[in-house]
Amino acid sequence: MMIRNVLIDEQWKRIEPLLSGKPSDCGVTGRNNRLFLEAVLWVCRTGAPWRDLPEALGSWHTVYTL
């Protein structure tokens, strides 16, 4: 299943520096902050429960607990 991104590249470039877990932060970094944010936006947009998150957006449990 192909997932349509909500964020366009220009929007992502503006948001990316504001998120924690980026490579410039000390300690653990996010594996894929954009994918995480896309998953959160998908749940918000669809109103679906976390368990229905498409596999293309990652493990529902991992996204939910971050």
Protein backbone atom coordinates (compact mmCIF):
# COMPACT_ATOMS: atom_id res chain seq x y z
CA MET A 1 0.00 0.00 0.00
CA MET A 2 1.39 3.38 -0.98
CA ILE A 3 0.82 6.19 1.50
CA ARG A 4 0.25 9.70 0.22
CA ASN A 5 2.27 12.19 2.23
CA VAL A 6 0.39 15.04 3.86
CA LEU A 7 3.41 17.30 4.13
CA ILE A 8 5.05 18.73 1.05
CA ASP A 9 8.84 19.07 1.12
CA GLU A 10 8.68 22.84 1.72
CA GLN A 11 6.51 22.34 4.81
CA TRP A 12 8.78 19.59 6.10
CA LYS A 13 11.87 21.78 5.75
CA ARG A 14 10.22 24.39 7.98
CA ILE A 15 9.09 21.88 10.62
CA GLU A 16 12.12 19.58 10.74
CA PRO A 17 14.43 21.83 12.82
CA LEU A 18 11.74 22.19 15.50
CA LEU A 19 11.50 18.46 16.29
CA SER A 20 13.54 16.72 18.92
CA GLY A 21 15.55 13.66 17.99
CA LYS A 22 17.30 15.30 15.05
CA PRO A 23 20.93 14.39 14.30
CA SER A 24 22.25 17.59 15.96
CA ASP A 25 20.63 16.67 19.32
CA CYS A 26 22.61 14.85 22.01
CA GLY A 27 21.59 11.30 22.82
CA VAL A 28 19.09 9.23 20.89
CA THR A 29 17.90 10.55 17.56
CA GLY A 30 14.62 9.81 15.83
CA ARG A 31 14.96 7.15 13.20
CA ASN A 32 12.62 8.94 10.80
CA ASN A 33 10.91 12.03 12.18
CA ARG A 34 9.07 12.73 8.95
CA LEU A 35 7.54 9.26 8.87
CA PHE A 36 6.53 9.65 12.53
CA LEU A 37 4.86 12.99 11.85
CA GLU A 38 3.12 11.63 8.75
CA ALA A 39 1.76 8.76 10.89
CA VAL A 40 0.43 11.17 13.52
CA LEU A 41 -1.15 13.34 10.82
CA TRP A 42 -2.72 10.24 9.23
CA VAL A 43 -4.39 9.29 12.51
CA CYS A 44 -5.59 12.87 13.03
CA ARG A 45 -6.87 13.14 9.46
CA THR A 46 -8.69 9.80 9.38
CA GLY A 47 -9.85 9.59 12.98
CA ALA A 48 -8.82 5.93 12.92
CA PRO A 49 -7.47 4.19 16.02
CA TRP A 50 -3.71 3.73 16.27
CA ARG A 51 -4.03 -0.02 15.66
CA ASP A 52 -5.34 0.74 12.15
CA LEU A 53 -2.20 2.66 11.15
CA PRO A 54 -1.03 1.37 7.75
CA GLU A 55 2.17 -0.69 7.91
CA ALA A 56 3.78 1.73 5.45
CA LEU A 57 3.78 4.33 8.25
CA GLY A 58 5.51 2.05 10.75
CA SER A 59 4.48 -0.04 13.70
CA TRP A 60 1.37 1.47 15.31
CA HIS A 61 2.69 0.70 18.78
CA THR A 62 6.06 2.34 18.17
CA VAL A 63 4.46 5.49 16.76
CA TYR A 64 1.88 5.58 19.57
CA THR A 65 4.46 5.28 22.36
CA LEU A 66 6.88 7.88 20.97
